[in-house]
Amino acid sequence: MDTRTQTSRASLPIDYNKRLMLFSGRANPQLAVDIADKLEVDLGPVELKTFSNGEVYCRYEESIRGADVFIVQSTCGNAQTGVTANDSLMELLFMIDAAVGASAHRVIAVTPWFGYSRQDKKSAPREPISARLVARMLEAAGSDRVLTMDLHAGQIQGFFQKPVDHMTALFMLTQYFADLGLPDLVVVAPDAGRVKLNKNFASKIGAELAILDKERPAQQVAEIGYVIGDVRGKTAVIVDDMIDTAGTLTAAAHAVFSGDAYENLRNSPIEQIVVTDTIPLPPGCPENVRVLPCADLLTDSIRRIFVDDSVSEVFGGENQLF
């Protein structure tokens, strides 16, 4: 038998024009607009609303059959659009489900801020592992892969059966501080769990390392015992993955800014708070907050996913930070 003939009959070549379609939920629409501009596409039309009983609704307003659908939705609240963190999560799940039902070729959840990521283990008996549940929900809804940034713990990727592309703002932040040219820098890890991240940060900007001895007697409460290392008379940069109530820190990848965060920041001796735009800033932001845009990074990653190129090459494989 002619093996060449057998091989040619085993496949059917079809000219297939891949399509990328980008949609945004209501959690961080400006970030989606910035990504769309850099991709040189328009955001896809989708109807999103909240009913009077609090339930959310979505409907794609044009055909997405056969397209690679990227849904930009940080699972956070947005005061301007009126959605809570839970609204955003449900909206993302419904958008994924609707895309699957509308015969999209692939559905990619672009969640720069992965909500519930802090609850990645049991800290006390009878608690849920919420990050694992959210991962299962995204997969159950039909997501083919997830694109996210600076997870609270890299091990959260293990909660997924589907591929997870883990981006990081580390290089954006280190470049920012390197460009400032500040003298006598010391990078201060806010707790023992962030030593590896802060050590990596310090090595990239040529700074020394110090460590805070921190305890959490309750949720969203931080108590600092003492500092390990020399910080006297130096410019201290505290690096963490998020700022929530601002009880601990100075600079982070995600600006959650909940509770008394703004008041705490205004009353602190902090000169600058440097964050990314993965989460939209609530109104009344202090003047010393600096926002670094991450649309370039996410756009590059989306392009690579769409053309089946390597995403890890964006960081040279250096996106496992802790």
C-alpha atoms as a PDB file:
ATOM      1  CA  MET A   1       0.000   0.000   0.000  1.00  0.00           C
ATOM      2  CA  ASP A   2       1.208   3.506  -0.791  1.00  0.00           C
ATOM      3  CA  THR A   3       1.734   5.135   2.653  1.00  0.00           C
ATOM      4  CA  ARG A   4       1.693   8.599   1.126  1.00  0.00           C
ATOM      5  CA  THR A   5      -1.844   8.074  -0.130  1.00  0.00           C
ATOM      6  CA  GLN A   6      -2.878   6.712   3.267  1.00  0.00           C
ATOM      7  CA  THR A   7      -1.474   9.757   5.074  1.00  0.00           C
ATOM      8  CA  SER A   8      -3.145  12.253   2.752  1.00  0.00           C
ATOM      9  CA  ARG A   9      -6.562  10.612   3.278  1.00  0.00           C
ATOM     10  CA  ALA A  10      -6.181  10.752   7.067  1.00  0.00           C
ATOM     11  CA  SER A  11      -6.714  14.496   7.199  1.00  0.00           C
ATOM     12  CA  LEU A  12      -8.880  17.047   5.471  1.00  0.00           C
ATOM     13  CA  PRO A  13      -7.145  20.370   4.785  1.00  0.00           C
ATOM     14  CA  ILE A  14      -9.499  23.326   5.123  1.00  0.00           C
ATOM     15  CA  ASP A  15      -8.654  27.008   4.856  1.00  0.00           C
ATOM     16  CA  TYR A  16      -9.586  28.177   8.360  1.00  0.00           C
ATOM     17  CA  ASN A  17      -9.387  31.866   9.156  1.00  0.00           C
ATOM     18  CA  LYS A  18      -8.980  32.235  12.900  1.00  0.00           C
ATOM     19  CA  ARG A  19     -10.840  35.115  14.508  1.00  0.00           C
ATOM     20  CA  LEU A  20     -10.038  36.899  17.737  1.00  0.00           C
ATOM     21  CA  MET A  21     -12.896  38.635  19.495  1.00  0.00           C
ATOM     22  CA  LEU A  22     -12.439  40.671  22.652  1.00  0.00           C
ATOM     23  CA  PHE A  23     -15.214  41.357  25.138  1.00  0.00           C
ATOM     24  CA  SER A  24     -15.341  43.196  28.435  1.00  0.00           C
ATOM     25  CA  GLY A  25     -17.359  42.723  31.570  1.00  0.00           C
ATOM     26  CA  ARG A  26     -18.223  45.642  33.834  1.00  0.00           C
ATOM     27  CA  ALA A  27     -15.453  45.138  36.405  1.00  0.00           C
ATOM     28  CA  ASN A  28     -12.666  46.973  34.561  1.00  0.00           C
ATOM     29  CA  PRO A  29     -13.909  48.234  31.179  1.00  0.00           C
ATOM     30  CA  GLN A  30     -11.119  50.813  30.756  1.00  0.00           C
ATOM     31  CA  LEU A  31      -8.456  48.104  30.840  1.00  0.00           C
ATOM     32  CA  ALA A  32     -10.379  46.217  28.152  1.00  0.00           C
ATOM     33  CA  VAL A  33     -10.567  49.393  26.022  1.00  0.00           C
ATOM     34  CA  ASP A  34      -6.795  49.854  26.350  1.00  0.00           C
ATOM     35  CA  ILE A  35      -6.163  46.242  25.305  1.00  0.00           C
ATOM     36  CA  ALA A  36      -8.534  46.574  22.352  1.00  0.00           C
ATOM     37  CA  ASP A  37      -6.716  49.721  21.182  1.00  0.00           C
ATOM     38  CA  LYS A  38      -3.381  47.929  21.251  1.00  0.00           C
ATOM     39  CA  LEU A  39      -4.820  44.898  19.448  1.00  0.00           C
ATOM     40  CA  GLU A  40      -6.388  47.300  16.928  1.00  0.00           C
ATOM     41  CA  VAL A  41      -9.821  45.722  17.302  1.00  0.00           C
ATOM     42  CA  ASP A  42     -13.135  46.991  18.604  1.00  0.00           C
ATOM     43  CA  LEU A  43     -14.594  45.531  21.755  1.00  0.00           C
ATOM     44  CA  GLY A  44     -17.336  43.096  20.834  1.00  0.00           C
ATOM     45  CA  PRO A  45     -20.900  44.225  21.541  1.00  0.00           C
ATOM     46  CA  VAL A  46     -22.408  42.544  24.580  1.00  0.00           C
ATOM     47  CA  GLU A  47     -25.427  43.472  26.662  1.00  0.00           C
ATOM     48  CA  LEU A  48     -24.731  43.453  30.390  1.00  0.00           C
ATOM     49  CA  LYS A  49     -27.128  44.520  33.108  1.00  0.00           C
ATOM     50  CA  THR A  50     -28.253  43.857  36.656  1.00  0.00           C
ATOM     51  CA  PHE A  51     -31.908  43.178  37.312  1.00  0.00           C
ATOM     52  CA  SER A  52     -33.751  44.870  40.165  1.00  0.00           C
ATOM     53  CA  ASN A  53     -33.414  41.686  42.256  1.00  0.00           C
ATOM     54  CA  GLY A  54     -29.616  41.780  41.917  1.00  0.00           C
ATOM     55  CA  GLU A  55     -29.216  39.060  39.289  1.00  0.00           C
ATOM     56  CA  VAL A  56     -26.830  39.775  36.419  1.00  0.00           C
ATOM     57  CA  TYR A  57     -27.536  39.158  32.735  1.00  0.00           C
ATOM     58  CA  CYS A  58     -25.482  39.017  29.546  1.00  0.00           C
ATOM     59  CA  ARG A  59     -26.062  38.478  25.843  1.00  0.00           C
ATOM     60  CA  TYR A  60     -23.634  38.678  22.919  1.00  0.00           C
ATOM     61  CA  GLU A  61     -25.118  40.943  20.267  1.00  0.00           C
ATOM     62  CA  GLU A  62     -23.430  39.403  17.236  1.00  0.00           C
ATOM     63  CA  SER A  63     -22.262  35.979  16.148  1.00  0.00           C
ATOM     64  CA  ILE A  64     -19.140  34.617  17.841  1.00  0.00           C
ATOM     65  CA  ARG A  65     -19.304  31.181  16.209  1.00  0.00           C
ATOM     66  CA  GLY A  66     -15.830  29.770  15.579  1.00  0.00           C
ATOM     67  CA  ALA A  67     -14.001  32.700  17.191  1.00  0.00           C
ATOM     68  CA  ASP A  68     -11.410  32.711  19.940  1.00  0.00           C
ATOM     69  CA  VAL A  69     -13.284  34.749  22.560  1.00  0.00           C
ATOM     70  CA  PHE A  70     -11.232  36.633  25.154  1.00  0.00           C
ATOM     71  CA  ILE A  71     -13.269  37.968  28.078  1.00  0.00           C
ATOM     72  CA  VAL A  72     -11.572  40.710  30.123  1.00  0.00           C
ATOM     73  CA  GLN A  73     -12.986  40.654  33.628  1.00  0.00           C
ATOM     74  CA  SER A  74     -11.136  41.110  36.887  1.00  0.00           C
ATOM     75  CA  THR A  75     -13.304  39.595  39.605  1.00  0.00           C
ATOM     76  CA  CYS A  76     -13.466  42.816  41.604  1.00  0.00           C
ATOM     77  CA  GLY A  77     -15.996  45.521  42.317  1.00  0.00           C
ATOM     78  CA  ASN A  78     -16.358  48.755  40.380  1.00  0.00           C
ATOM     79  CA  ALA A  79     -18.140  51.698  41.979  1.00  0.00           C
ATOM     80  CA  GLN A  80     -18.652  53.457  38.637  1.00  0.00           C
ATOM     81  CA  THR A  81     -20.433  50.548  36.947  1.00  0.00           C
ATOM     82  CA  GLY A  82     -22.154  49.474  40.153  1.00  0.00           C
ATOM     83  CA  VAL A  83     -20.921  45.884  40.298  1.00  0.00           C
ATOM     84  CA  THR A  84     -19.556  44.093  43.346  1.00  0.00           C
ATOM     85  CA  ALA A  85     -16.830  41.458  43.348  1.00  0.00           C
ATOM     86  CA  ASN A  86     -19.473  38.738  43.435  1.00  0.00           C
ATOM     87  CA  ASP A  87     -21.400  40.386  40.573  1.00  0.00           C
ATOM     88  CA  SER A  88     -18.199  40.374  38.519  1.00  0.00           C
ATOM     89  CA  LEU A  89     -17.569  36.709  39.196  1.00  0.00           C
ATOM     90  CA  MET A  90     -21.103  35.683  38.231  1.00  0.00           C
ATOM     91  CA  GLU A  91     -20.998  37.943  35.181  1.00  0.00           C
ATOM     92  CA  LEU A  92     -17.750  36.297  34.050  1.00  0.00           C
ATOM     93  CA  LEU A  93     -19.255  32.828  34.500  1.00  0.00           C
ATOM     94  CA  PHE A  94     -22.345  33.761  32.505  1.00  0.00           C
ATOM     95  CA  MET A  95     -20.265  35.323  29.718  1.00  0.00           C
ATOM     96  CA  ILE A  96     -18.187  32.144  29.483  1.00  0.00           C
ATOM     97  CA  ASP A  97     -21.286  29.950  29.437  1.00  0.00           C
ATOM     98  CA  ALA A  98     -22.981  32.127  26.817  1.00  0.00           C
ATOM     99  CA  ALA A  99     -19.866  32.024  24.615  1.00  0.00           C
ATOM    100  CA  VAL A 100     -19.694  28.236  24.834  1.00  0.00           C
ATOM    101  CA  GLY A 101     -23.380  28.015  23.991  1.00  0.00           C
ATOM    102  CA  ALA A 102     -22.860  30.336  21.014  1.00  0.00           C
ATOM    103  CA  SER A 103     -20.256  27.922  19.552  1.00  0.00           C
ATOM    104  CA  ALA A 104     -17.095  29.918  20.194  1.00  0.00           C
ATOM    105  CA  HIS A 105     -13.989  27.988  19.157  1.00  0.00           C
ATOM    106  CA  ARG A 106     -12.147  28.771  22.404  1.00  0.00           C
ATOM    107  CA  VAL A 107     -13.095  30.841  25.450  1.00  0.00           C
ATOM    108  CA  ILE A 108     -10.281  32.488  27.403  1.00  0.00           C
ATOM    109  CA  ALA A 109     -10.971  34.211  30.716  1.00  0.00           C
ATOM    110  CA  VAL A 110      -8.651  37.215  31.112  1.00  0.00           C
ATOM    111  CA  THR A 111      -8.806  37.846  34.858  1.00  0.00           C
ATOM    112  CA  PRO A 112      -5.872  40.132  35.764  1.00  0.00           C
ATOM    113  CA  TRP A 113      -7.129  40.164  39.365  1.00  0.00           C
ATOM    114  CA  PHE A 114      -8.198  36.651  40.396  1.00  0.00           C
ATOM    115  CA  GLY A 115     -10.750  37.150  43.148  1.00  0.00           C
ATOM    116  CA  TYR A 116     -10.761  35.024  46.301  1.00  0.00           C
ATOM    117  CA  SER A 117      -7.093  34.200  45.675  1.00  0.00           C
ATOM    118  CA  ARG A 118      -6.156  34.886  49.303  1.00  0.00           C
ATOM    119  CA  GLN A 119      -8.311  31.981  50.430  1.00  0.00           C
ATOM    120  CA  ASP A 120      -6.030  29.368  48.888  1.00  0.00           C
ATOM    121  CA  LYS A 121      -5.804  27.128  51.954  1.00  0.00           C
ATOM    122  CA  LYS A 122      -7.509  26.499  55.271  1.00  0.00           C
ATOM    123  CA  SER A 123      -6.234  28.943  57.880  1.00  0.00           C
ATOM    124  CA  ALA A 124      -8.723  27.663  60.443  1.00  0.00           C
ATOM    125  CA  PRO A 125     -11.016  24.634  60.741  1.00  0.00           C
ATOM    126  CA  ARG A 126     -14.254  24.553  58.724  1.00  0.00           C
ATOM    127  CA  GLU A 127     -13.156  27.239  56.238  1.00  0.00           C
ATOM    128  CA  PRO A 128     -13.602  26.879  52.468  1.00  0.00           C
ATOM    129  CA  ILE A 129     -10.703  26.878  50.047  1.00  0.00           C
ATOM    130  CA  SER A 130     -12.412  29.568  47.982  1.00  0.00           C
ATOM    131  CA  ALA A 131      -9.707  29.993  45.328  1.00  0.00           C
ATOM    132  CA  ARG A 132     -10.050  26.322  44.408  1.00  0.00           C
ATOM    133  CA  LEU A 133     -13.821  26.643  44.132  1.00  0.00           C
ATOM    134  CA  VAL A 134     -13.533  29.683  41.837  1.00  0.00           C
ATOM    135  CA  ALA A 135     -11.118  27.732  39.616  1.00  0.00           C
ATOM    136  CA  ARG A 136     -13.620  24.878  39.392  1.00  0.00           C
ATOM    137  CA  MET A 137     -16.432  27.301  38.616  1.00  0.00           C
ATOM    138  CA  LEU A 138     -14.526  28.856  35.716  1.00  0.00           C
ATOM    139  CA  GLU A 139     -13.822  25.436  34.267  1.00  0.00           C
ATOM    140  CA  ALA A 140     -17.376  24.211  34.850  1.00  0.00           C
ATOM    141  CA  ALA A 141     -18.673  27.269  32.967  1.00  0.00           C
ATOM    142  CA  GLY A 142     -16.541  26.218  29.981  1.00  0.00           C
ATOM    143  CA  SER A 143     -13.379  28.315  30.060  1.00  0.00           C
ATOM    144  CA  ASP A 144     -10.623  26.749  27.932  1.00  0.00           C
ATOM    145  CA  ARG A 145      -7.809  28.643  29.657  1.00  0.00           C
ATOM    146  CA  VAL A 146      -7.218  31.486  32.091  1.00  0.00           C
ATOM    147  CA  LEU A 147      -4.904  34.481  31.744  1.00  0.00           C
ATOM    148  CA  THR A 148      -4.164  36.120  35.092  1.00  0.00           C
ATOM    149  CA  MET A 149      -1.569  38.235  36.902  1.00  0.00           C
ATOM    150  CA  ASP A 150       0.355  37.939  40.170  1.00  0.00           C
ATOM    151  CA  LEU A 151      -1.621  35.266  41.930  1.00  0.00           C
ATOM    152  CA  HIS A 152      -1.509  35.467  45.706  1.00  0.00           C
ATOM    153  CA  ALA A 153       0.191  32.072  45.585  1.00  0.00           C
ATOM    154  CA  GLY A 154       1.580  30.452  42.462  1.00  0.00           C
ATOM    155  CA  GLN A 155       0.218  27.102  43.616  1.00  0.00           C
ATOM    156  CA  ILE A 156      -3.297  28.292  42.761  1.00  0.00           C
ATOM    157  CA  GLN A 157      -2.476  27.217  39.208  1.00  0.00           C
ATOM    158  CA  GLY A 158      -2.687  23.666  40.522  1.00  0.00           C
ATOM    159  CA  PHE A 159      -6.405  24.113  41.242  1.00  0.00           C
ATOM    160  CA  PHE A 160      -7.041  24.176  37.481  1.00  0.00           C
ATOM    161  CA  GLN A 161      -7.280  21.301  35.036  1.00  0.00           C
ATOM    162  CA  LYS A 162      -7.098  23.784  32.141  1.00  0.00           C
ATOM    163  CA  PRO A 163      -4.005  25.831  31.162  1.00  0.00           C
ATOM    164  CA  VAL A 164      -3.242  28.937  33.233  1.00  0.00           C
ATOM    165  CA  ASP A 165      -1.028  31.712  31.865  1.00  0.00           C
ATOM    166  CA  HIS A 166       0.454  33.533  34.854  1.00  0.00           C
ATOM    167  CA  MET A 167       1.658  37.053  34.120  1.00  0.00           C
ATOM    168  CA  THR A 168       3.545  39.280  36.540  1.00  0.00           C
ATOM    169  CA  ALA A 169       4.002  43.007  37.075  1.00  0.00           C
ATOM    170  CA  LEU A 170       7.428  42.425  38.647  1.00  0.00           C
ATOM    171  CA  PHE A 171       9.385  43.722  35.668  1.00  0.00           C
ATOM    172  CA  MET A 172       7.162  46.786  35.265  1.00  0.00           C
ATOM    173  CA  LEU A 173       7.621  47.667  38.933  1.00  0.00           C
ATOM    174  CA  THR A 174      11.373  47.051  39.034  1.00  0.00           C
ATOM    175  CA  GLN A 175      11.849  49.158  35.907  1.00  0.00           C
ATOM    176  CA  TYR A 176       9.837  51.972  37.490  1.00  0.00           C
ATOM    177  CA  PHE A 177      11.992  52.067  40.616  1.00  0.00           C
ATOM    178  CA  ALA A 178      15.197  51.639  38.638  1.00  0.00           C
ATOM    179  CA  ASP A 179      14.259  54.687  36.541  1.00  0.00           C
ATOM    180  CA  LEU A 180      13.685  56.757  39.705  1.00  0.00           C
ATOM    181  CA  GLY A 181      17.351  56.338  40.603  1.00  0.00           C
ATOM    182  CA  LEU A 182      16.690  56.486  44.359  1.00  0.00           C
ATOM    183  CA  PRO A 183      19.790  56.209  46.597  1.00  0.00           C
ATOM    184  CA  ASP A 184      20.230  53.721  49.467  1.00  0.00           C
ATOM    185  CA  LEU A 185      17.318  51.509  48.525  1.00  0.00           C
ATOM    186  CA  VAL A 186      16.240  48.612  50.711  1.00  0.00           C
ATOM    187  CA  VAL A 187      13.444  46.239  49.724  1.00  0.00           C
ATOM    188  CA  VAL A 188      11.359  45.152  52.704  1.00  0.00           C
ATOM    189  CA  ALA A 189       9.423  41.889  52.607  1.00  0.00           C
ATOM    190  CA  PRO A 190       6.099  42.424  54.452  1.00  0.00           C
ATOM    191  CA  ASP A 191       6.170  38.881  55.850  1.00  0.00           C
ATOM    192  CA  ALA A 192       8.067  35.615  55.579  1.00  0.00           C
ATOM    193  CA  GLY A 193       5.811  34.376  52.786  1.00  0.00           C
ATOM    194  CA  ARG A 194       6.946  37.192  50.490  1.00  0.00           C
ATOM    195  CA  VAL A 195      10.717  36.872  51.077  1.00  0.00           C
ATOM    196  CA  LYS A 196      11.391  35.119  47.753  1.00  0.00           C
ATOM    197  CA  LEU A 197       9.423  37.738  45.795  1.00  0.00           C
ATOM    198  CA  ASN A 198      11.145  40.634  47.561  1.00  0.00           C
ATOM    199  CA  LYS A 199      14.580  39.040  47.220  1.00  0.00           C
ATOM    200  CA  ASN A 200      13.994  38.727  43.471  1.00  0.00           C
ATOM    201  CA  PHE A 201      12.797  42.354  43.365  1.00  0.00           C
ATOM    202  CA  ALA A 202      15.834  43.570  45.331  1.00  0.00           C
ATOM    203  CA  SER A 203      18.303  41.739  43.078  1.00  0.00           C
ATOM    204  CA  LYS A 204      16.804  43.314  39.960  1.00  0.00           C
ATOM    205  CA  ILE A 205      17.170  46.889  41.271  1.00  0.00           C
ATOM    206  CA  GLY A 206      20.440  46.320  43.148  1.00  0.00           C
ATOM    207  CA  ALA A 207      19.007  46.901  46.623  1.00  0.00           C
ATOM    208  CA  GLU A 208      19.437  45.255  50.010  1.00  0.00           C
ATOM    209  CA  LEU A 209      16.743  43.133  51.648  1.00  0.00           C
ATOM    210  CA  ALA A 210      14.956  43.412  54.987  1.00  0.00           C
ATOM    211  CA  ILE A 211      12.018  41.470  56.443  1.00  0.00           C
ATOM    212  CA  LEU A 212       9.057  42.504  58.600  1.00  0.00           C
ATOM    213  CA  ASP A 213       7.940  40.126  61.318  1.00  0.00           C
ATOM    214  CA  LYS A 214       4.172  40.299  60.792  1.00  0.00           C
ATOM    215  CA  GLU A 215       1.284  38.463  62.384  1.00  0.00           C
ATOM    216  CA  ARG A 216      -2.414  38.471  61.530  1.00  0.00           C
ATOM    217  CA  PRO A 217      -4.518  38.056  64.677  1.00  0.00           C
ATOM    218  CA  ALA A 218      -7.656  38.414  62.537  1.00  0.00           C
ATOM    219  CA  GLN A 219      -8.692  38.742  58.880  1.00  0.00           C
ATOM    220  CA  GLN A 220      -7.470  42.043  57.325  1.00  0.00           C
ATOM    221  CA  VAL A 221      -5.560  42.932  60.518  1.00  0.00           C
ATOM    222  CA  ALA A 222      -1.745  43.112  60.526  1.00  0.00           C
ATOM    223  CA  GLU A 223       0.578  43.547  63.496  1.00  0.00           C
ATOM    224  CA  ILE A 224       4.290  44.260  62.926  1.00  0.00           C
ATOM    225  CA  GLY A 225       6.629  42.903  65.600  1.00  0.00           C
ATOM    226  CA  TYR A 226      10.110  43.953  64.455  1.00  0.00           C
ATOM    227  CA  VAL A 227      12.272  44.459  61.368  1.00  0.00           C
ATOM    228  CA  ILE A 228      15.047  42.051  60.362  1.00  0.00           C
ATOM    229  CA  GLY A 229      17.704  44.005  58.472  1.00  0.00           C
ATOM    230  CA  ASP A 230      19.082  47.519  58.225  1.00  0.00           C
ATOM    231  CA  VAL A 231      16.550  50.164  57.147  1.00  0.00           C
ATOM    232  CA  ARG A 232      17.723  53.202  59.144  1.00  0.00           C
ATOM    233  CA  GLY A 233      18.126  56.278  56.934  1.00  0.00           C
ATOM    234  CA  LYS A 234      17.312  54.347  53.743  1.00  0.00           C
ATOM    235  CA  THR A 235      14.528  54.462  51.182  1.00  0.00           C
ATOM    236  CA  ALA A 236      12.334  51.450  51.883  1.00  0.00           C
ATOM    237  CA  VAL A 237      10.274  49.745  49.178  1.00  0.00           C
ATOM    238  CA  ILE A 238       7.721  47.258  50.491  1.00  0.00           C
ATOM    239  CA  VAL A 239       6.601  44.810  47.793  1.00  0.00           C
ATOM    240  CA  ASP A 240       3.482  42.660  47.975  1.00  0.00           C
ATOM    241  CA  ASP A 241       0.928  41.258  45.556  1.00  0.00           C
ATOM    242  CA  MET A 242      -1.931  43.508  46.723  1.00  0.00           C
ATOM    243  CA  ILE A 243      -2.950  46.444  48.892  1.00  0.00           C
ATOM    244  CA  ASP A 244      -6.250  45.772  50.627  1.00  0.00           C
ATOM    245  CA  THR A 245      -6.826  47.857  53.758  1.00  0.00           C
ATOM    246  CA  ALA A 246      -3.286  49.321  53.555  1.00  0.00           C
ATOM    247  CA  GLY A 247      -2.563  48.150  57.076  1.00  0.00           C
ATOM    248  CA  THR A 248       0.830  46.813  56.032  1.00  0.00           C
ATOM    249  CA  LEU A 249       2.235  48.154  52.903  1.00  0.00           C
ATOM    250  CA  THR A 250       3.471  50.538  50.304  1.00  0.00           C
ATOM    251  CA  ALA A 251       3.606  49.158  46.764  1.00  0.00           C
ATOM    252  CA  ALA A 252       1.847  46.235  45.140  1.00  0.00           C
ATOM    253  CA  ALA A 253       0.623  44.622  41.949  1.00  0.00           C
ATOM    254  CA  HIS A 254      -3.117  44.890  42.699  1.00  0.00           C
ATOM    255  CA  ALA A 255      -4.843  47.858  44.368  1.00  0.00           C
ATOM    256  CA  VAL A 256      -7.848  46.352  46.142  1.00  0.00           C
ATOM    257  CA  PHE A 257      -8.206  49.432  48.401  1.00  0.00           C
ATOM    258  CA  SER A 258     -11.060  48.260  50.608  1.00  0.00           C
ATOM    259  CA  GLY A 259     -12.308  49.426  54.000  1.00  0.00           C
ATOM    260  CA  ASP A 260     -10.228  52.279  55.427  1.00  0.00           C
ATOM    261  CA  ALA A 261      -7.433  51.901  52.844  1.00  0.00           C
ATOM    262  CA  TYR A 262      -7.463  55.513  51.631  1.00  0.00           C
ATOM    263  CA  GLU A 263      -7.584  56.914  55.153  1.00  0.00           C
ATOM    264  CA  ASN A 264      -4.741  54.630  56.233  1.00  0.00           C
ATOM    265  CA  LEU A 265      -2.646  55.707  53.254  1.00  0.00           C
ATOM    266  CA  ARG A 266      -3.278  59.427  53.843  1.00  0.00           C
ATOM    267  CA  ASN A 267      -2.302  59.090  57.500  1.00  0.00           C
ATOM    268  CA  SER A 268       0.837  57.095  56.789  1.00  0.00           C
ATOM    269  CA  PRO A 269       4.362  58.417  56.128  1.00  0.00           C
ATOM    270  CA  ILE A 270       4.390  56.659  52.736  1.00  0.00           C
ATOM    271  CA  GLU A 271       5.630  58.901  49.926  1.00  0.00           C
ATOM    272  CA  GLN A 272       4.396  56.818  46.986  1.00  0.00           C
ATOM    273  CA  ILE A 273       2.043  53.916  46.438  1.00  0.00           C
ATOM    274  CA  VAL A 274       2.764  52.194  43.132  1.00  0.00           C
ATOM    275  CA  VAL A 275       0.123  49.838  41.739  1.00  0.00           C
ATOM    276  CA  THR A 276      -1.092  48.461  38.419  1.00  0.00           C
ATOM    277  CA  ASP A 277      -4.486  49.024  36.812  1.00  0.00           C
ATOM    278  CA  THR A 278      -5.662  45.409  37.129  1.00  0.00           C
ATOM    279  CA  ILE A 279      -8.330  46.779  39.482  1.00  0.00           C
ATOM    280  CA  PRO A 280      -9.995  50.152  38.827  1.00  0.00           C
ATOM    281  CA  LEU A 281      -9.240  52.702  41.525  1.00  0.00           C
ATOM    282  CA  PRO A 282     -12.234  53.792  43.622  1.00  0.00           C
ATOM    283  CA  PRO A 283     -13.067  57.529  43.684  1.00  0.00           C
ATOM    284  CA  GLY A 284     -11.044  59.747  46.006  1.00  0.00           C
ATOM    285  CA  CYS A 285      -7.671  58.164  45.366  1.00  0.00           C
ATOM    286  CA  PRO A 286      -4.773  59.804  47.294  1.00  0.00           C
ATOM    287  CA  GLU A 287      -2.466  61.994  45.222  1.00  0.00           C
ATOM    288  CA  ASN A 288       0.591  59.865  45.978  1.00  0.00           C
ATOM    289  CA  VAL A 289      -0.790  56.791  44.171  1.00  0.00           C
ATOM    290  CA  ARG A 290       1.045  55.973  40.915  1.00  0.00           C
ATOM    291  CA  VAL A 291      -0.682  53.604  38.491  1.00  0.00           C
ATOM    292  CA  LEU A 292       1.364  51.536  36.023  1.00  0.00           C
ATOM    293  CA  PRO A 293      -0.693  50.320  33.037  1.00  0.00           C
ATOM    294  CA  CYS A 294      -0.538  46.611  32.254  1.00  0.00           C
ATOM    295  CA  ALA A 295      -2.383  46.652  28.910  1.00  0.00           C
ATOM    296  CA  ASP A 296       0.851  46.151  26.917  1.00  0.00           C
ATOM    297  CA  LEU A 297       1.702  43.019  28.872  1.00  0.00           C
ATOM    298  CA  LEU A 298      -1.791  41.557  28.604  1.00  0.00           C
ATOM    299  CA  THR A 299      -2.059  42.436  24.914  1.00  0.00           C
ATOM    300  CA  ASP A 300       1.196  40.640  24.142  1.00  0.00           C
ATOM    301  CA  SER A 301      -0.023  37.600  26.054  1.00  0.00           C
ATOM    302  CA  ILE A 302      -3.396  37.578  24.281  1.00  0.00           C
ATOM    303  CA  ARG A 303      -1.681  37.735  20.884  1.00  0.00           C
ATOM    304  CA  ARG A 304       0.558  34.808  21.803  1.00  0.00           C
ATOM    305  CA  ILE A 305      -2.349  32.705  23.039  1.00  0.00           C
ATOM    306  CA  PHE A 306      -4.310  33.451  19.867  1.00  0.00           C
ATOM    307  CA  VAL A 307      -1.504  32.351  17.518  1.00  0.00           C
ATOM    308  CA  ASP A 308      -0.470  29.433  19.776  1.00  0.00           C
ATOM    309  CA  ASP A 309       2.901  30.977  20.540  1.00  0.00           C
ATOM    310  CA  SER A 310       4.875  30.654  23.783  1.00  0.00           C
ATOM    311  CA  VAL A 311       3.538  32.881  26.566  1.00  0.00           C
ATOM    312  CA  SER A 312       6.381  32.101  28.969  1.00  0.00           C
ATOM    313  CA  GLU A 313       8.826  33.780  26.566  1.00  0.00           C
ATOM    314  CA  VAL A 314       7.358  37.135  27.629  1.00  0.00           C
ATOM    315  CA  PHE A 315       9.322  36.735  30.876  1.00  0.00           C
ATOM    316  CA  GLY A 316      11.964  34.293  29.763  1.00  0.00           C
ATOM    317  CA  GLY A 317      10.328  31.745  32.067  1.00  0.00           C
ATOM    318  CA  GLU A 318      10.811  34.007  35.124  1.00  0.00           C
ATOM    319  CA  ASN A 319       7.172  34.359  36.113  1.00  0.00           C
ATOM    320  CA  GLN A 320       7.254  31.886  39.016  1.00  0.00           C
ATOM    321  CA  LEU A 321       7.963  34.400  41.761  1.00  0.00           C
ATOM    322  CA  PHE A 322       7.312  32.473  44.968  1.00  0.00           C
END
